[in-house]
Amino acid sequence: MTETAAALRTVANNVRAARTRAGLSLEELSRRAQVSKGALVGLEKAQGNPNLATLVRLADTLGISVSALMQGPSEGRVRIVSADAAAPLWTGGRGGEARLVLTTSGPAPVEIWRWRLEPGEEYPSHPHQAGVVETVSVISGRMTLVVDGAEHTVEAGQTATFDGDTTHTYRGAGAESCHLIMTVHLPPGPAAAP
């Protein structure tokens, strides 16, 4: 089995298990996550190629982290992950990428992401569930963070944090690549039913 097929099988099993734990039918998860029922059926059969936006909507609706959808069983008390070992979940048109490196366990998990944005490249994000807080720390380069329509420049050595329950966009700014670490702090417990 290829690495991609194995990863898709893991996502399929985790989506099905989380949906069952939440007591949601395919129709109800489809409605709440705004993902077509056909795409969900395919995903639970380990078919297709879900994009980052779909995985984020499913995770938010199920009240779990994106990496909880992607990770197999824990391998022990200490987990060390190379940034290159995590496949990109988003690839920009100019070569940028986002890699979900790991997620902490516990009642309020934290996702750790490594991003590279090329100048002018952007990733628009849908609002997350209430209580999600994002933090971006720019390692090199410069980015424009757009939160609820307001633009904020974040340069190397600076960190910004914001509530992720509103529209937001990450955009590469300046003349060089922007490298950043993003953490997504998830609220404890399952997502409330809309």
Protein backbone atom coordinates (compact mmCIF):
# COMPACT_ATOMS: atom_id res chain seq x y z
CA MET A 1 0.00 0.00 0.00
CA THR A 2 1.45 3.39 -0.95
CA GLU A 3 2.00 6.11 1.63
CA THR A 4 -0.81 8.19 0.13
CA ALA A 5 -3.26 5.28 0.17
CA ALA A 6 -2.32 4.47 3.78
CA ALA A 7 -2.83 8.13 4.80
CA LEU A 8 -6.21 8.23 3.06
CA ARG A 9 -7.26 4.99 4.81
CA THR A 10 -6.29 6.53 8.17
CA VAL A 11 -8.33 9.68 7.42
CA ALA A 12 -11.29 7.52 6.32
CA ASN A 13 -11.23 5.48 9.53
CA ASN A 14 -10.81 8.57 11.73
CA VAL A 15 -13.64 10.52 10.04
CA ARG A 16 -16.01 7.55 10.34
CA ALA A 17 -15.06 6.96 14.00
CA ALA A 18 -15.43 10.66 14.93
CA ARG A 19 -18.76 10.91 13.10
CA THR A 20 -20.03 7.80 14.92
CA ARG A 21 -18.84 9.12 18.32
CA ALA A 22 -20.65 12.39 17.62
CA GLY A 23 -23.83 10.48 16.70
CA LEU A 24 -24.04 12.14 13.29
CA SER A 25 -25.39 10.63 10.11
CA LEU A 26 -23.58 11.26 6.84
CA GLU A 27 -26.39 13.67 5.90
CA GLU A 28 -26.06 15.66 9.14
CA LEU A 29 -22.27 15.86 8.98
CA SER A 30 -22.56 16.92 5.34
CA ARG A 31 -24.98 19.71 6.26
CA ARG A 32 -23.03 20.99 9.25
CA ALA A 33 -19.60 20.85 7.58
CA GLN A 34 -20.86 22.09 4.22
CA VAL A 35 -19.23 19.14 2.47
CA SER A 36 -21.23 17.17 -0.09
CA LYS A 37 -22.60 13.82 1.03
CA GLY A 38 -20.96 12.20 -2.01
CA ALA A 39 -17.56 13.54 -0.97
CA LEU A 40 -18.10 12.20 2.57
CA VAL A 41 -19.15 8.77 1.32
CA GLY A 42 -16.05 8.67 -0.88
CA LEU A 43 -13.82 9.86 1.94
CA GLU A 44 -15.13 7.22 4.35
CA LYS A 45 -14.37 4.61 1.65
CA ALA A 46 -10.80 6.00 1.37
CA GLN A 47 -11.49 7.36 -2.11
CA GLY A 48 -10.81 10.83 -3.45
CA ASN A 49 -8.34 13.48 -2.39
CA PRO A 50 -9.77 15.85 0.27
CA ASN A 51 -8.25 19.33 0.33
CA LEU A 52 -7.21 21.27 3.42
CA ALA A 53 -10.42 23.34 3.52
CA THR A 54 -12.53 20.15 3.58
CA LEU A 55 -10.44 18.61 6.36
CA VAL A 56 -10.65 21.83 8.41
CA ARG A 57 -14.45 22.01 8.04
CA LEU A 58 -14.84 18.35 9.02
CA ALA A 59 -12.50 18.68 12.01
CA ASP A 60 -14.23 21.86 13.22
CA THR A 61 -17.66 20.26 12.89
CA LEU A 62 -16.54 17.11 14.69
CA GLY A 63 -14.81 19.14 17.42
CA ILE A 64 -11.39 17.59 16.83
CA SER A 65 -8.08 18.69 15.33
CA VAL A 66 -7.15 18.25 11.69
CA SER A 67 -4.27 16.03 12.73
CA ALA A 68 -6.66 13.85 14.75
CA LEU A 69 -8.21 13.03 11.39
CA MET A 70 -4.80 12.18 9.94
CA GLN A 71 -2.87 10.42 12.70
CA GLY A 72 -2.73 6.74 13.50
CA PRO A 73 -2.36 5.42 17.03
CA SER A 74 0.16 7.08 19.35
CA GLU A 75 3.63 5.56 19.29
CA GLY A 76 4.71 6.42 22.82
CA ARG A 77 5.24 9.21 25.35
CA VAL A 78 7.62 11.27 23.22
CA ARG A 79 6.97 11.95 19.57
CA ILE A 80 9.60 13.64 17.41
CA VAL A 81 8.50 14.68 13.95
CA SER A 82 10.69 16.00 11.16
CA ALA A 83 9.07 18.83 9.21
CA ASP A 84 9.80 16.95 5.98
CA ALA A 85 8.00 13.85 7.30
CA ALA A 86 4.68 15.74 7.31
CA ALA A 87 3.20 15.93 3.83
CA PRO A 88 2.02 19.38 2.70
CA LEU A 89 -1.73 19.83 3.23
CA TRP A 90 -1.76 22.99 1.16
CA THR A 91 0.43 23.93 -1.78
CA GLY A 92 0.27 27.43 -3.21
CA GLY A 93 0.47 28.36 -6.86
CA ARG A 94 3.92 29.92 -6.38
CA GLY A 95 5.48 27.09 -4.37
CA GLY A 96 4.38 27.90 -0.84
CA GLU A 97 3.13 25.15 1.43
CA ALA A 98 1.60 24.34 4.80
CA ARG A 99 2.54 21.24 6.77
CA LEU A 100 0.71 20.07 9.88
CA VAL A 101 3.66 18.83 11.89
CA LEU A 102 1.84 17.51 14.95
CA THR A 103 -1.00 17.99 17.39
CA THR A 104 -0.71 17.76 21.14
CA SER A 105 -3.08 15.41 22.95
CA GLY A 106 -5.40 16.23 25.82
CA PRO A 107 -8.72 18.00 26.28
CA ALA A 108 -7.62 21.20 24.48
CA PRO A 109 -5.18 20.13 21.72
CA VAL A 110 -2.79 22.44 19.90
CA GLU A 111 -1.85 21.98 16.24
CA ILE A 112 1.67 22.95 15.17
CA TRP A 113 2.02 24.02 11.51
CA ARG A 114 5.05 25.02 9.39
CA TRP A 115 4.20 27.42 6.56
CA ARG A 116 6.09 28.93 3.66
CA LEU A 117 4.39 31.72 1.72
CA GLU A 118 5.91 33.13 -1.42
CA PRO A 119 5.51 36.87 -2.17
CA GLY A 120 1.92 37.62 -3.17
CA GLU A 121 0.74 34.08 -2.43
CA GLU A 122 -2.20 33.73 -0.08
CA TYR A 123 -4.33 31.20 1.72
CA PRO A 124 -7.85 32.31 2.69
CA SER A 125 -9.32 30.37 5.62
CA HIS A 126 -12.92 29.82 6.55
CA PRO A 127 -13.89 30.75 10.11
CA HIS A 128 -13.24 27.96 12.62
CA GLN A 129 -15.45 26.90 15.50
CA ALA A 130 -15.86 29.32 18.41
CA GLY A 131 -12.95 29.20 20.85
CA VAL A 132 -10.21 28.47 18.30
CA VAL A 133 -7.21 30.78 18.74
CA GLU A 134 -4.44 30.99 16.12
CA THR A 135 -0.92 32.26 16.66
CA VAL A 136 1.57 32.98 13.88
CA SER A 137 5.29 33.51 14.53
CA VAL A 138 7.25 34.72 11.51
CA ILE A 139 10.74 33.20 11.39
CA SER A 140 11.92 34.93 8.23
CA GLY A 141 10.40 37.25 5.65
CA ARG A 142 7.16 39.13 6.09
CA MET A 143 3.47 38.33 5.81
CA THR A 144 0.19 40.15 5.78
CA LEU A 145 -2.39 38.70 8.13
CA VAL A 146 -5.95 39.67 7.22
CA VAL A 147 -8.47 39.13 10.02
CA ASP A 148 -12.08 40.09 9.49
CA GLY A 149 -11.03 42.39 6.62
CA ALA A 150 -8.30 44.28 8.54
CA GLU A 151 -4.69 43.86 7.30
CA HIS A 152 -1.79 43.44 9.73
CA THR A 153 1.88 43.21 8.73
CA VAL A 154 3.83 40.58 10.68
CA GLU A 155 7.61 40.60 10.16
CA ALA A 156 10.46 38.26 11.10
CA GLY A 157 10.73 38.04 14.87
CA GLN A 158 7.09 39.07 15.43
CA THR A 159 4.17 36.97 16.63
CA ALA A 160 0.46 37.67 16.19
CA THR A 161 -2.53 35.96 17.76
CA PHE A 162 -6.24 36.18 16.97
CA ASP A 163 -9.57 34.42 17.40
CA GLY A 164 -9.97 32.04 14.45
CA ASP A 165 -13.77 32.15 14.35
CA THR A 166 -13.81 34.83 11.67
CA THR A 167 -12.56 34.91 8.08
CA HIS A 168 -8.78 35.24 7.88
CA THR A 169 -6.09 35.11 5.22
CA TYR A 170 -2.32 34.57 5.25
CA ARG A 171 -0.45 36.39 2.48
CA GLY A 172 3.24 36.45 1.65
CA ALA A 173 4.55 40.03 1.57
CA GLY A 174 7.85 41.59 0.60
CA ALA A 175 10.41 40.23 -1.85
CA GLU A 176 11.41 36.95 -0.16
CA SER A 177 9.75 33.80 1.12
CA CYS A 178 7.97 34.07 4.45
CA HIS A 179 8.57 31.16 6.84
CA LEU A 180 6.31 30.92 9.87
CA ILE A 181 5.16 28.62 12.61
CA MET A 182 1.42 28.63 13.26
CA THR A 183 -0.26 27.13 16.28
CA VAL A 184 -3.98 26.47 16.37
CA HIS A 185 -5.33 26.24 19.92
CA LEU A 186 -8.52 24.20 19.93
CA PRO A 187 -11.19 24.56 22.59
CA PRO A 188 -11.82 21.63 24.92
CA GLY A 189 -14.65 19.22 24.21
CA PRO A 190 -16.76 18.57 21.12
CA ALA A 191 -18.11 21.33 18.92
CA ALA A 192 -21.52 22.58 19.89
CA ALA A 193 -24.34 21.66 17.55
CA PRO A 194 -25.44 24.60 15.37
